[in-house]
PDB file of N, CA and C in Angstrom:
ATOM      1  N   MET A   1      16.775 -15.570   7.886  1.00  0.00           N
ATOM      2  CA  MET A   1      15.704 -14.980   8.846  1.00  0.00           C
ATOM      3  C   MET A   1      14.833 -14.027   8.886  1.00  0.00           C
ATOM      4  N   SER A   2      13.827 -13.764   9.004  1.00  0.00           N
ATOM      5  CA  SER A   2      12.517 -12.681   8.712  1.00  0.00           C
ATOM      6  C   SER A   2      13.058 -11.719   9.842  1.00  0.00           C
ATOM      7  N   GLU A   3      12.642 -10.603   9.482  1.00  0.00           N
ATOM      8  CA  GLU A   3      12.610  -9.529  10.064  1.00  0.00           C
ATOM      9  C   GLU A   3      10.938  -8.833  10.085  1.00  0.00           C
ATOM     10  N   VAL A   4      10.655  -8.448  11.128  1.00  0.00           N
ATOM     11  CA  VAL A   4       9.142  -7.981  11.424  1.00  0.00           C
ATOM     12  C   VAL A   4       9.635  -6.103  11.196  1.00  0.00           C
ATOM     13  N   ILE A   5       8.820  -5.362  10.475  1.00  0.00           N
ATOM     14  CA  ILE A   5       8.818  -4.262  10.266  1.00  0.00           C
ATOM     15  C   ILE A   5       7.760  -3.515  10.328  1.00  0.00           C
ATOM     16  N   TYR A   6       7.693  -2.398  11.566  1.00  0.00           N
ATOM     17  CA  TYR A   6       7.134  -1.680  11.838  1.00  0.00           C
ATOM     18  C   TYR A   6       7.441  -0.082  11.921  1.00  0.00           C
ATOM     19  N   THR A   7       6.569   0.388  11.779  1.00  0.00           N
ATOM     20  CA  THR A   7       6.943   2.338  11.484  1.00  0.00           C
ATOM     21  C   THR A   7       5.495   2.933  11.936  1.00  0.00           C
ATOM     22  N   LYS A   8       5.795   3.730  12.939  1.00  0.00           N
ATOM     23  CA  LYS A   8       4.675   5.046  13.317  1.00  0.00           C
ATOM     24  C   LYS A   8       4.131   5.397  11.901  1.00  0.00           C
ATOM     25  N   ASN A   9       4.818   5.747  11.225  1.00  0.00           N
ATOM     26  CA  ASN A   9       4.706   6.325   9.892  1.00  0.00           C
ATOM     27  C   ASN A   9       3.314   5.776   8.571  1.00  0.00           C
ATOM     28  N   ALA A  10       3.023   4.420   9.328  1.00  0.00           N
ATOM     29  CA  ALA A  10       2.160   3.968   8.498  1.00  0.00           C
ATOM     30  C   ALA A  10       0.949   3.602   9.449  1.00  0.00           C
ATOM     31  N   PRO A  11      -0.001   2.861   9.228  1.00  0.00           N
ATOM     32  CA  PRO A  11      -1.230   2.638  10.263  1.00  0.00           C
ATOM     33  C   PRO A  11      -0.621   1.080  10.453  1.00  0.00           C
ATOM     34  N   ASP A  12      -1.118   1.380  11.909  1.00  0.00           N
ATOM     35  CA  ASP A  12      -0.952  -0.178  12.675  1.00  0.00           C
ATOM     36  C   ASP A  12      -2.168  -0.827  12.306  1.00  0.00           C
ATOM     37  N   ALA A  13      -1.365  -2.320  12.085  1.00  0.00           N
ATOM     38  CA  ALA A  13      -2.187  -3.475  11.578  1.00  0.00           C
ATOM     39  C   ALA A  13      -3.583  -3.543  12.174  1.00  0.00           C
ATOM     40  N   ILE A  14      -4.365  -3.337  11.661  1.00  0.00           N
ATOM     41  CA  ILE A  14      -6.065  -3.865  12.455  1.00  0.00           C
ATOM     42  C   ILE A  14      -6.641  -5.121  12.689  1.00  0.00           C
ATOM     43  N   GLY A  15      -5.447  -5.884  12.570  1.00  0.00           N
ATOM     44  CA  GLY A  15      -5.408  -7.281  12.711  1.00  0.00           C
ATOM     45  C   GLY A  15      -4.583  -8.260  13.178  1.00  0.00           C
ATOM     46  N   PRO A  16      -4.487  -9.355  13.080  1.00  0.00           N
ATOM     47  CA  PRO A  16      -3.100 -10.247  13.529  1.00  0.00           C
ATOM     48  C   PRO A  16      -2.055 -10.444  12.396  1.00  0.00           C
ATOM     49  N   TYR A  17      -1.564  -9.794  12.473  1.00  0.00           N
ATOM     50  CA  TYR A  17      -0.609  -9.218  11.113  1.00  0.00           C
ATOM     51  C   TYR A  17       0.746  -8.222  11.581  1.00  0.00           C
ATOM     52  N   SER A  18       1.493  -8.598  10.604  1.00  0.00           N
ATOM     53  CA  SER A  18       2.638  -7.124  10.621  1.00  0.00           C
ATOM     54  C   SER A  18       2.403  -6.293   9.580  1.00  0.00           C
ATOM     55  N   GLN A  19       3.020  -4.977   9.587  1.00  0.00           N
ATOM     56  CA  GLN A  19       2.832  -4.169   8.384  1.00  0.00           C
ATOM     57  C   GLN A  19       3.863  -4.553   7.245  1.00  0.00           C
ATOM     58  N   ALA A  20       4.871  -5.346   7.705  1.00  0.00           N
ATOM     59  CA  ALA A  20       5.621  -5.604   6.630  1.00  0.00           C
ATOM     60  C   ALA A  20       6.562  -6.863   7.232  1.00  0.00           C
ATOM     61  N   ILE A  21       7.028  -7.843   6.384  1.00  0.00           N
ATOM     62  CA  ILE A  21       8.069  -8.721   6.438  1.00  0.00           C
ATOM     63  C   ILE A  21       9.404  -8.475   5.829  1.00  0.00           C
ATOM     64  N   LYS A  22      10.450  -8.136   6.102  1.00  0.00           N
ATOM     65  CA  LYS A  22      11.757  -8.403   5.378  1.00  0.00           C
ATOM     66  C   LYS A  22      12.494 -10.027   5.557  1.00  0.00           C
ATOM     67  N   THR A  23      12.472 -10.446   4.304  1.00  0.00           N
ATOM     68  CA  THR A  23      13.584 -11.906   4.128  1.00  0.00           C
ATOM     69  C   THR A  23      13.926 -12.367   2.898  1.00  0.00           C
ATOM     70  N   ASN A  24      14.912 -12.393   2.955  1.00  0.00           N
ATOM     71  CA  ASN A  24      15.778 -13.290   1.678  1.00  0.00           C
ATOM     72  C   ASN A  24      15.950 -11.853   0.711  1.00  0.00           C
ATOM     73  N   GLY A  25      16.340 -10.962   1.127  1.00  0.00           N
ATOM     74  CA  GLY A  25      16.646  -9.935   0.293  1.00  0.00           C
ATOM     75  C   GLY A  25      15.220  -9.120  -0.114  1.00  0.00           C
ATOM     76  N   LEU A  26      13.780  -9.522   0.365  1.00  0.00           N
ATOM     77  CA  LEU A  26      12.595  -8.547  -0.366  1.00  0.00           C
ATOM     78  C   LEU A  26      11.737  -8.415   1.011  1.00  0.00           C
ATOM     79  N   VAL A  27      11.108  -7.261   0.626  1.00  0.00           N
ATOM     80  CA  VAL A  27      10.260  -6.749   1.953  1.00  0.00           C
ATOM     81  C   VAL A  27       8.442  -7.036   0.922  1.00  0.00           C
ATOM     82  N   PHE A  28       8.057  -7.627   1.749  1.00  0.00           N
ATOM     83  CA  PHE A  28       6.616  -8.204   1.842  1.00  0.00           C
ATOM     84  C   PHE A  28       5.670  -7.189   2.564  1.00  0.00           C
ATOM     85  N   THR A  29       4.892  -5.972   2.232  1.00  0.00           N
ATOM     86  CA  THR A  29       4.216  -5.355   2.647  1.00  0.00           C
ATOM     87  C   THR A  29       2.828  -6.033   2.804  1.00  0.00           C
ATOM     88  N   SER A  30       2.043  -5.917   4.158  1.00  0.00           N
ATOM     89  CA  SER A  30       0.714  -6.029   4.064  1.00  0.00           C
ATOM     90  C   SER A  30       0.035  -5.040   3.148  1.00  0.00           C
ATOM     91  N   GLY A  31      -1.330  -5.279   2.969  1.00  0.00           N
ATOM     92  CA  GLY A  31      -2.043  -4.364   2.240  1.00  0.00           C
ATOM     93  C   GLY A  31      -2.285  -3.104   3.296  1.00  0.00           C
ATOM     94  N   GLN A  32      -2.013  -1.904   2.427  1.00  0.00           N
ATOM     95  CA  GLN A  32      -2.332  -0.755   2.752  1.00  0.00           C
ATOM     96  C   GLN A  32      -3.401   0.210   2.431  1.00  0.00           C
ATOM     97  N   ILE A  33      -4.196   0.661   3.439  1.00  0.00           N
ATOM     98  CA  ILE A  33      -5.596   1.282   2.810  1.00  0.00           C
ATOM     99  C   ILE A  33      -5.202   2.917   3.455  1.00  0.00           C
ATOM    100  N   ALA A  34      -6.156   3.206   3.170  1.00  0.00           N
ATOM    101  CA  ALA A  34      -6.409   5.037   3.275  1.00  0.00           C
ATOM    102  C   ALA A  34      -6.312   5.315   4.701  1.00  0.00           C
ATOM    103  N   ILE A  35      -5.713   4.674   5.412  1.00  0.00           N
ATOM    104  CA  ILE A  35      -5.811   5.268   7.078  1.00  0.00           C
ATOM    105  C   ILE A  35      -4.831   6.164   7.099  1.00  0.00           C
ATOM    106  N   ASN A  36      -4.513   7.405   7.733  1.00  0.00           N
ATOM    107  CA  ASN A  36      -3.660   8.444   8.143  1.00  0.00           C
ATOM    108  C   ASN A  36      -2.883   7.780   9.394  1.00  0.00           C
ATOM    109  N   PRO A  37      -1.878   7.834   9.584  1.00  0.00           N
ATOM    110  CA  PRO A  37      -1.257   7.119  10.438  1.00  0.00           C
ATOM    111  C   PRO A  37      -1.391   7.992  11.833  1.00  0.00           C
ATOM    112  N   ALA A  38      -1.231   9.022  11.722  1.00  0.00           N
ATOM    113  CA  ALA A  38      -1.407  10.146  12.781  1.00  0.00           C
ATOM    114  C   ALA A  38      -2.700  10.286  13.362  1.00  0.00           C
ATOM    115  N   SER A  39      -3.672  10.135  12.716  1.00  0.00           N
ATOM    116  CA  SER A  39      -4.751   9.909  13.255  1.00  0.00           C
ATOM    117  C   SER A  39      -5.471   8.534  13.609  1.00  0.00           C
ATOM    118  N   GLY A  40      -5.157   7.688  12.720  1.00  0.00           N
ATOM    119  CA  GLY A  40      -5.819   6.599  12.729  1.00  0.00           C
ATOM    120  C   GLY A  40      -7.218   6.099  12.339  1.00  0.00           C
ATOM    121  N   GLN A  41      -7.489   7.244  11.134  1.00  0.00           N
ATOM    122  CA  GLN A  41      -8.881   7.291  10.480  1.00  0.00           C
ATOM    123  C   GLN A  41      -8.416   7.358   9.136  1.00  0.00           C
ATOM    124  N   VAL A  42      -9.767   6.921   8.378  1.00  0.00           N
ATOM    125  CA  VAL A  42      -9.682   7.615   6.901  1.00  0.00           C
ATOM    126  C   VAL A  42     -10.114   8.856   6.786  1.00  0.00           C
ATOM    127  N   GLU A  43      -9.704   9.521   6.293  1.00  0.00           N
ATOM    128  CA  GLU A  43      -9.750  10.941   6.060  1.00  0.00           C
ATOM    129  C   GLU A  43     -10.479  11.439   4.619  1.00  0.00           C
ATOM    130  N   ALA A  44      -9.753  10.652   3.743  1.00  0.00           N
ATOM    131  CA  ALA A  44     -10.230  11.025   2.578  1.00  0.00           C
ATOM    132  C   ALA A  44     -11.502  10.391   2.027  1.00  0.00           C
ATOM    133  N   ASP A  45     -12.173  10.862   1.236  1.00  0.00           N
ATOM    134  CA  ASP A  45     -13.393  10.155   0.845  1.00  0.00           C
ATOM    135  C   ASP A  45     -13.534   9.872  -0.794  1.00  0.00           C
ATOM    136  N   THR A  46     -12.272  10.535  -1.769  1.00  0.00           N
ATOM    137  CA  THR A  46     -12.365  10.060  -2.733  1.00  0.00           C
ATOM    138  C   THR A  46     -11.460   9.186  -3.276  1.00  0.00           C
ATOM    139  N   ILE A  47     -11.309   8.391  -4.489  1.00  0.00           N
ATOM    140  CA  ILE A  47     -10.349   7.599  -4.927  1.00  0.00           C
ATOM    141  C   ILE A  47      -9.093   8.375  -4.802  1.00  0.00           C
ATOM    142  N   GLU A  48      -8.906   9.435  -5.220  1.00  0.00           N
ATOM    143  CA  GLU A  48      -7.921  10.267  -5.292  1.00  0.00           C
ATOM    144  C   GLU A  48      -6.974  10.504  -4.004  1.00  0.00           C
ATOM    145  N   GLY A  49      -7.899  11.198  -2.826  1.00  0.00           N
ATOM    146  CA  GLY A  49      -7.365  11.016  -2.046  1.00  0.00           C
ATOM    147  C   GLY A  49      -7.029   9.825  -1.309  1.00  0.00           C
ATOM    148  N   GLN A  50      -7.714   8.930  -1.470  1.00  0.00           N
ATOM    149  CA  GLN A  50      -7.373   7.444  -0.852  1.00  0.00           C
ATOM    150  C   GLN A  50      -5.979   7.036  -1.154  1.00  0.00           C
ATOM    151  N   THR A  51      -5.906   6.702  -2.685  1.00  0.00           N
ATOM    152  CA  THR A  51      -4.565   6.596  -3.265  1.00  0.00           C
ATOM    153  C   THR A  51      -3.332   7.259  -2.826  1.00  0.00           C
ATOM    154  N   GLU A  52      -3.816   8.544  -2.570  1.00  0.00           N
ATOM    155  CA  GLU A  52      -2.491   9.369  -2.345  1.00  0.00           C
ATOM    156  C   GLU A  52      -1.893   8.864  -0.904  1.00  0.00           C
ATOM    157  N   GLN A  53      -2.954   8.550   0.054  1.00  0.00           N
ATOM    158  CA  GLN A  53      -2.610   8.397   1.565  1.00  0.00           C
ATOM    159  C   GLN A  53      -2.298   6.677   1.644  1.00  0.00           C
ATOM    160  N   VAL A  54      -2.726   5.564   0.739  1.00  0.00           N
ATOM    161  CA  VAL A  54      -2.093   4.334   0.322  1.00  0.00           C
ATOM    162  C   VAL A  54      -0.452   4.324   0.217  1.00  0.00           C
ATOM    163  N   MET A  55      -0.209   5.421  -1.209  1.00  0.00           N
ATOM    164  CA  MET A  55       0.828   5.434  -1.619  1.00  0.00           C
ATOM    165  C   MET A  55       2.092   6.295  -0.848  1.00  0.00           C
ATOM    166  N   GLN A  56       1.286   7.381   0.287  1.00  0.00           N
ATOM    167  CA  GLN A  56       2.330   7.606   1.373  1.00  0.00           C
ATOM    168  C   GLN A  56       2.543   6.437   2.579  1.00  0.00           C
ATOM    169  N   ASN A  57       1.737   5.766   3.000  1.00  0.00           N
ATOM    170  CA  ASN A  57       1.853   4.852   3.616  1.00  0.00           C
ATOM    171  C   ASN A  57       2.800   3.438   3.202  1.00  0.00           C
ATOM    172  N   LEU A  58       2.685   3.523   2.043  1.00  0.00           N
ATOM    173  CA  LEU A  58       3.430   1.981   1.102  1.00  0.00           C
ATOM    174  C   LEU A  58       5.007   2.872   1.337  1.00  0.00           C
ATOM    175  N   LYS A  59       4.897   3.895   0.891  1.00  0.00           N
ATOM    176  CA  LYS A  59       6.668   4.809   0.841  1.00  0.00           C
ATOM    177  C   LYS A  59       6.903   4.703   2.339  1.00  0.00           C
ATOM    178  N   ASN A  60       6.474   5.160   3.105  1.00  0.00           N
ATOM    179  CA  ASN A  60       6.955   5.124   4.592  1.00  0.00           C
ATOM    180  C   ASN A  60       7.268   3.495   4.905  1.00  0.00           C
ATOM    181  N   LEU A  61       6.655   2.767   4.928  1.00  0.00           N
ATOM    182  CA  LEU A  61       6.602   1.079   5.204  1.00  0.00           C
ATOM    183  C   LEU A  61       7.771   0.674   4.794  1.00  0.00           C
ATOM    184  N   LEU A  62       8.015   1.130   3.257  1.00  0.00           N
ATOM    185  CA  LEU A  62       9.196   0.469   2.359  1.00  0.00           C
ATOM    186  C   LEU A  62      10.235   1.197   2.976  1.00  0.00           C
ATOM    187  N   GLU A  63      10.554   2.631   3.204  1.00  0.00           N
ATOM    188  CA  GLU A  63      11.731   3.314   3.584  1.00  0.00           C
ATOM    189  C   GLU A  63      12.117   2.676   5.087  1.00  0.00           C
ATOM    190  N   ALA A  64      11.104   2.586   5.861  1.00  0.00           N
ATOM    191  CA  ALA A  64      11.541   1.839   7.243  1.00  0.00           C
ATOM    192  C   ALA A  64      12.276   0.569   7.085  1.00  0.00           C
ATOM    193  N   ALA A  65      11.827  -0.308   5.880  1.00  0.00           N
ATOM    194  CA  ALA A  65      12.305  -1.667   5.879  1.00  0.00           C
ATOM    195  C   ALA A  65      13.373  -1.338   5.025  1.00  0.00           C
ATOM    196  N   GLY A  66      14.187  -0.298   4.831  1.00  0.00           N
ATOM    197  CA  GLY A  66      15.516   0.069   3.942  1.00  0.00           C
ATOM    198  C   GLY A  66      15.183  -0.188   2.628  1.00  0.00           C
ATOM    199  N   SER A  67      14.270   0.286   1.903  1.00  0.00           N
ATOM    200  CA  SER A  67      13.879  -0.277   0.660  1.00  0.00           C
ATOM    201  C   SER A  67      13.172   1.092   0.070  1.00  0.00           C
ATOM    202  N   SER A  68      12.266   1.101  -1.147  1.00  0.00           N
ATOM    203  CA  SER A  68      11.738   2.262  -1.498  1.00  0.00           C
ATOM    204  C   SER A  68      10.745   1.980  -2.417  1.00  0.00           C
ATOM    205  N   LEU A  69      10.092   2.807  -2.891  1.00  0.00           N
ATOM    206  CA  LEU A  69       9.031   2.749  -4.071  1.00  0.00           C
ATOM    207  C   LEU A  69       9.453   2.123  -5.610  1.00  0.00           C
ATOM    208  N   GLU A  70      11.070   2.667  -5.460  1.00  0.00           N
ATOM    209  CA  GLU A  70      11.814   2.308  -6.663  1.00  0.00           C
ATOM    210  C   GLU A  70      11.974   1.126  -7.215  1.00  0.00           C
ATOM    211  N   LYS A  71      12.064   0.262  -5.621  1.00  0.00           N
ATOM    212  CA  LYS A  71      12.579  -1.156  -5.688  1.00  0.00           C
ATOM    213  C   LYS A  71      11.602  -2.019  -5.744  1.00  0.00           C
ATOM    214  N   ALA A  72      10.378  -1.741  -5.963  1.00  0.00           N
ATOM    215  CA  ALA A  72       8.925  -2.660  -6.254  1.00  0.00           C
ATOM    216  C   ALA A  72       9.227  -3.465  -7.655  1.00  0.00           C
ATOM    217  N   VAL A  73       8.831  -4.659  -7.032  1.00  0.00           N
ATOM    218  CA  VAL A  73       9.059  -5.751  -8.392  1.00  0.00           C
ATOM    219  C   VAL A  73       7.546  -6.278  -8.554  1.00  0.00           C
ATOM    220  N   LYS A  74       6.517  -5.974  -7.667  1.00  0.00           N
ATOM    221  CA  LYS A  74       5.165  -6.458  -7.565  1.00  0.00           C
ATOM    222  C   LYS A  74       4.562  -5.630  -6.704  1.00  0.00           C
ATOM    223  N   THR A  75       2.928  -5.004  -7.483  1.00  0.00           N
ATOM    224  CA  THR A  75       1.979  -4.909  -6.534  1.00  0.00           C
ATOM    225  C   THR A  75       0.879  -5.587  -7.066  1.00  0.00           C
ATOM    226  N   VAL A  76       0.025  -5.702  -5.745  1.00  0.00           N
ATOM    227  CA  VAL A  76      -1.403  -6.058  -6.052  1.00  0.00           C
ATOM    228  C   VAL A  76      -2.418  -5.029  -5.737  1.00  0.00           C
ATOM    229  N   CYS A  77      -3.001  -4.646  -6.327  1.00  0.00           N
ATOM    230  CA  CYS A  77      -4.288  -3.447  -6.250  1.00  0.00           C
ATOM    231  C   CYS A  77      -5.670  -4.110  -6.217  1.00  0.00           C
ATOM    232  N   PHE A  78      -6.166  -3.743  -5.195  1.00  0.00           N
ATOM    233  CA  PHE A  78      -7.576  -3.783  -4.935  1.00  0.00           C
ATOM    234  C   PHE A  78      -8.745  -2.734  -5.006  1.00  0.00           C
ATOM    235  N   LEU A  79      -9.433  -2.433  -5.817  1.00  0.00           N
ATOM    236  CA  LEU A  79     -10.535  -1.519  -5.636  1.00  0.00           C
ATOM    237  C   LEU A  79     -11.576  -1.825  -5.273  1.00  0.00           C
ATOM    238  N   ALA A  80     -12.690  -0.908  -4.756  1.00  0.00           N
ATOM    239  CA  ALA A  80     -13.738  -1.296  -4.426  1.00  0.00           C
ATOM    240  C   ALA A  80     -14.674  -1.092  -5.783  1.00  0.00           C
ATOM    241  N   ASP A  81     -14.319  -0.321  -6.556  1.00  0.00           N
ATOM    242  CA  ASP A  81     -15.334  -0.091  -8.026  1.00  0.00           C
ATOM    243  C   ASP A  81     -13.988   0.025  -9.093  1.00  0.00           C
ATOM    244  N   MET A  82     -14.236  -1.074 -10.244  1.00  0.00           N
ATOM    245  CA  MET A  82     -13.379  -0.669 -11.323  1.00  0.00           C
ATOM    246  C   MET A  82     -13.687   0.408 -11.829  1.00  0.00           C
ATOM    247  N   ASN A  83     -14.632   1.217 -11.827  1.00  0.00           N
ATOM    248  CA  ASN A  83     -14.588   2.871 -12.153  1.00  0.00           C
ATOM    249  C   ASN A  83     -13.743   3.535 -11.964  1.00  0.00           C
ATOM    250  N   ASP A  84     -12.931   3.273 -10.842  1.00  0.00           N
ATOM    251  CA  ASP A  84     -12.017   4.005 -10.210  1.00  0.00           C
ATOM    252  C   ASP A  84     -10.763   3.760 -10.959  1.00  0.00           C
ATOM    253  N   PHE A  85     -10.582   2.851 -12.003  1.00  0.00           N
ATOM    254  CA  PHE A  85      -9.575   2.136 -12.636  1.00  0.00           C
ATOM    255  C   PHE A  85      -8.421   3.672 -12.878  1.00  0.00           C
ATOM    256  N   ALA A  86      -9.218   4.523 -13.829  1.00  0.00           N
ATOM    257  CA  ALA A  86      -8.262   5.421 -14.438  1.00  0.00           C
ATOM    258  C   ALA A  86      -7.838   6.491 -13.583  1.00  0.00           C
ATOM    259  N   ALA A  87      -8.326   6.829 -12.527  1.00  0.00           N
ATOM    260  CA  ALA A  87      -8.264   7.750 -11.392  1.00  0.00           C
ATOM    261  C   ALA A  87      -7.434   7.085 -10.541  1.00  0.00           C
ATOM    262  N   PHE A  88      -7.064   5.768 -10.171  1.00  0.00           N
ATOM    263  CA  PHE A  88      -6.412   5.374  -9.529  1.00  0.00           C
ATOM    264  C   PHE A  88      -5.078   5.219 -10.013  1.00  0.00           C
ATOM    265  N   ASN A  89      -5.068   4.802 -11.288  1.00  0.00           N
ATOM    266  CA  ASN A  89      -4.079   4.837 -12.228  1.00  0.00           C
ATOM    267  C   ASN A  89      -3.276   6.160 -12.130  1.00  0.00           C
ATOM    268  N   ALA A  90      -3.926   7.176 -12.291  1.00  0.00           N
ATOM    269  CA  ALA A  90      -2.891   8.275 -12.579  1.00  0.00           C
ATOM    270  C   ALA A  90      -2.313   8.705 -11.520  1.00  0.00           C
ATOM    271  N   ILE A  91      -2.538   8.445  -9.807  1.00  0.00           N
ATOM    272  CA  ILE A  91      -2.110   8.500  -9.005  1.00  0.00           C
ATOM    273  C   ILE A  91      -0.650   7.654  -8.707  1.00  0.00           C
ATOM    274  N   TYR A  92      -1.075   6.022  -8.658  1.00  0.00           N
ATOM    275  CA  TYR A  92      -0.004   4.945  -8.722  1.00  0.00           C
ATOM    276  C   TYR A  92       0.899   5.521  -9.337  1.00  0.00           C
ATOM    277  N   GLY A  93       0.759   5.695 -10.842  1.00  0.00           N
ATOM    278  CA  GLY A  93       1.912   6.041 -11.821  1.00  0.00           C
ATOM    279  C   GLY A  93       2.516   7.053 -11.495  1.00  0.00           C
ATOM    280  N   GLN A  94       2.261   7.914 -10.503  1.00  0.00           N
ATOM    281  CA  GLN A  94       3.316   9.454  -9.824  1.00  0.00           C
ATOM    282  C   GLN A  94       4.296   8.449  -9.069  1.00  0.00           C
ATOM    283  N   TYR A  95       3.794   7.716  -8.470  1.00  0.00           N
ATOM    284  CA  TYR A  95       4.538   7.019  -7.433  1.00  0.00           C
ATOM    285  C   TYR A  95       5.447   5.773  -7.759  1.00  0.00           C
ATOM    286  N   PHE A  96       4.899   4.595  -8.846  1.00  0.00           N
ATOM    287  CA  PHE A  96       5.707   3.414  -9.254  1.00  0.00           C
ATOM    288  C   PHE A  96       6.046   3.826 -10.551  1.00  0.00           C
ATOM    289  N   THR A  97       6.896   4.815 -10.594  1.00  0.00           N
ATOM    290  CA  THR A  97       7.656   5.031 -11.936  1.00  0.00           C
ATOM    291  C   THR A  97       8.491   4.240 -12.531  1.00  0.00           C
ATOM    292  N   GLY A  98       8.882   3.142 -11.839  1.00  0.00           N
ATOM    293  CA  GLY A  98       9.474   1.596 -12.475  1.00  0.00           C
ATOM    294  C   GLY A  98       8.837   0.573 -13.104  1.00  0.00           C
ATOM    295  N   LYS A  99       7.572   0.763 -13.054  1.00  0.00           N
ATOM    296  CA  LYS A  99       6.720   0.343 -13.266  1.00  0.00           C
ATOM    297  C   LYS A  99       6.719  -1.424 -12.983  1.00  0.00           C
ATOM    298  N   PRO A 100       6.665  -1.790 -11.818  1.00  0.00           N
ATOM    299  CA  PRO A 100       6.531  -3.216 -11.476  1.00  0.00           C
ATOM    300  C   PRO A 100       5.579  -3.624 -11.812  1.00  0.00           C
ATOM    301  N   ALA A 101       5.823  -5.322 -11.724  1.00  0.00           N
ATOM    302  CA  ALA A 101       4.674  -6.410 -12.251  1.00  0.00           C
ATOM    303  C   ALA A 101       3.389  -6.011 -11.360  1.00  0.00           C
ATOM    304  N   ARG A 102       2.011  -6.067 -12.075  1.00  0.00           N
ATOM    305  CA  ARG A 102       1.164  -5.624 -11.315  1.00  0.00           C
ATOM    306  C   ARG A 102      -0.204  -6.466 -11.492  1.00  0.00           C
ATOM    307  N   SER A 103      -0.966  -6.784 -10.714  1.00  0.00           N
ATOM    308  CA  SER A 103      -2.648  -7.271 -10.426  1.00  0.00           C
ATOM    309  C   SER A 103      -3.415  -6.205  -9.956  1.00  0.00           C
ATOM    310  N   CYS A 104      -4.348  -6.085 -10.722  1.00  0.00           N
ATOM    311  CA  CYS A 104      -5.487  -5.268 -10.337  1.00  0.00           C
ATOM    312  C   CYS A 104      -6.676  -5.729 -10.245  1.00  0.00           C
ATOM    313  N   VAL A 105      -7.528  -5.813  -9.071  1.00  0.00           N
ATOM    314  CA  VAL A 105      -8.749  -6.643  -9.129  1.00  0.00           C
ATOM    315  C   VAL A 105      -9.888  -5.857  -8.310  1.00  0.00           C
ATOM    316  N   ALA A 106     -11.034  -6.094  -8.871  1.00  0.00           N
ATOM    317  CA  ALA A 106     -12.051  -5.200  -8.074  1.00  0.00           C
ATOM    318  C   ALA A 106     -12.681  -6.229  -6.779  1.00  0.00           C
ATOM    319  N   VAL A 107     -12.937  -5.820  -6.045  1.00  0.00           N
ATOM    320  CA  VAL A 107     -13.422  -6.777  -5.127  1.00  0.00           C
ATOM    321  C   VAL A 107     -14.642  -6.111  -4.125  1.00  0.00           C
ATOM    322  N   LYS A 108     -15.491  -6.563  -3.625  1.00  0.00           N
ATOM    323  CA  LYS A 108     -16.914  -6.339  -3.231  1.00  0.00           C
ATOM    324  C   LYS A 108     -16.661  -5.226  -1.994  1.00  0.00           C
ATOM    325  N   THR A 109     -15.615  -5.569  -1.041  1.00  0.00           N
ATOM    326  CA  THR A 109     -15.833  -4.942  -0.044  1.00  0.00           C
ATOM    327  C   THR A 109     -14.227  -4.585   0.672  1.00  0.00           C
ATOM    328  N   LEU A 110     -13.530  -3.507   1.062  1.00  0.00           N
ATOM    329  CA  LEU A 110     -12.562  -3.705   1.725  1.00  0.00           C
ATOM    330  C   LEU A 110     -12.368  -3.027   3.145  1.00  0.00           C
ATOM    331  N   PRO A 111     -11.621  -3.549   3.761  1.00  0.00           N
ATOM    332  CA  PRO A 111     -11.516  -3.275   5.476  1.00  0.00           C
ATOM    333  C   PRO A 111     -11.995  -1.687   5.672  1.00  0.00           C
ATOM    334  N   LYS A 112     -12.797  -1.380   6.684  1.00  0.00           N
ATOM    335  CA  LYS A 112     -13.175  -0.169   6.688  1.00  0.00           C
ATOM    336  C   LYS A 112     -13.814   0.915   5.569  1.00  0.00           C
ATOM    337  N   ASN A 113     -14.392  -0.106   4.608  1.00  0.00           N
ATOM    338  CA  ASN A 113     -15.126   0.489   3.433  1.00  0.00           C
ATOM    339  C   ASN A 113     -14.369   1.331   2.843  1.00  0.00           C
ATOM    340  N   VAL A 114     -12.659   1.218   2.769  1.00  0.00           N
ATOM    341  CA  VAL A 114     -12.139   2.320   1.996  1.00  0.00           C
ATOM    342  C   VAL A 114     -12.395   1.814   0.430  1.00  0.00           C
ATOM    343  N   LEU A 115     -11.665   2.720  -0.625  1.00  0.00           N
ATOM    344  CA  LEU A 115     -12.081   2.685  -2.159  1.00  0.00           C
ATOM    345  C   LEU A 115     -10.961   1.635  -2.738  1.00  0.00           C
ATOM    346  N   CYS A 116      -9.776   1.672  -2.119  1.00  0.00           N
ATOM    347  CA  CYS A 116      -8.565   1.013  -2.339  1.00  0.00           C
ATOM    348  C   CYS A 116      -7.829   0.511  -1.464  1.00  0.00           C
ATOM    349  N   GLU A 117      -6.760  -0.939  -1.719  1.00  0.00           N
ATOM    350  CA  GLU A 117      -5.997  -1.165  -0.975  1.00  0.00           C
ATOM    351  C   GLU A 117      -4.862  -1.851  -1.955  1.00  0.00           C
ATOM    352  N   VAL A 118      -3.548  -1.437  -1.206  1.00  0.00           N
ATOM    353  CA  VAL A 118      -2.367  -2.163  -2.232  1.00  0.00           C
ATOM    354  C   VAL A 118      -1.234  -2.780  -1.418  1.00  0.00           C
ATOM    355  N   GLU A 119      -0.951  -3.643  -2.056  1.00  0.00           N
ATOM    356  CA  GLU A 119       0.237  -4.431  -1.147  1.00  0.00           C
ATOM    357  C   GLU A 119       1.396  -4.592  -2.101  1.00  0.00           C
ATOM    358  N   VAL A 120       2.859  -4.648  -1.599  1.00  0.00           N
ATOM    359  CA  VAL A 120       3.920  -4.235  -2.318  1.00  0.00           C
ATOM    360  C   VAL A 120       4.820  -5.377  -2.074  1.00  0.00           C
ATOM    361  N   ILE A 121       5.713  -6.136  -3.337  1.00  0.00           N
ATOM    362  CA  ILE A 121       6.878  -6.883  -2.753  1.00  0.00           C
ATOM    363  C   ILE A 121       8.395  -5.860  -3.236  1.00  0.00           C
ATOM    364  N   ALA A 122       9.102  -5.612  -2.724  1.00  0.00           N
ATOM    365  CA  ALA A 122       9.955  -5.170  -3.129  1.00  0.00           C
ATOM    366  C   ALA A 122      11.443  -5.607  -2.452  1.00  0.00           C
ATOM    367  N   GLU A 123      12.610  -5.075  -3.258  1.00  0.00           N
ATOM    368  CA  GLU A 123      14.000  -5.688  -2.870  1.00  0.00           C
ATOM    369  C   GLU A 123      14.315  -4.397  -1.764  1.00  0.00           C
ATOM    370  N   ALA A 124      15.207  -5.669  -1.050  1.00  0.00           N
ATOM    371  CA  ALA A 124      15.250  -4.790   0.305  1.00  0.00           C
ATOM    372  C   ALA A 124      16.503  -3.857  -0.238  1.00  0.00           C
TER     373      ALA A 124
END
């Protein structure tokens, strides 16, 4: 049976989806963007600041599901500009020290015109 995961320490969904779903020993997060859950706003305007907020949102969401960044097995990363790849990686690497499998692609636009979005699959 699947369990819907919700925490006030990550942004509310901005559409008809859940923050995360826990099922069959895995946690699947929805893509997290750089919205500060306290204000509901995108507060950083640099790739470094936005990546930090995304990582904090993912950390808080996985903890609410009884998991952690260390249990991540796969991430999918979306960048608005591939020129931000090195700066994004520098922050990402501080959080995902276990080096999960990953895909990283550039996209035309992201919700709220943010610079990055990340989703995670982790062991519960």
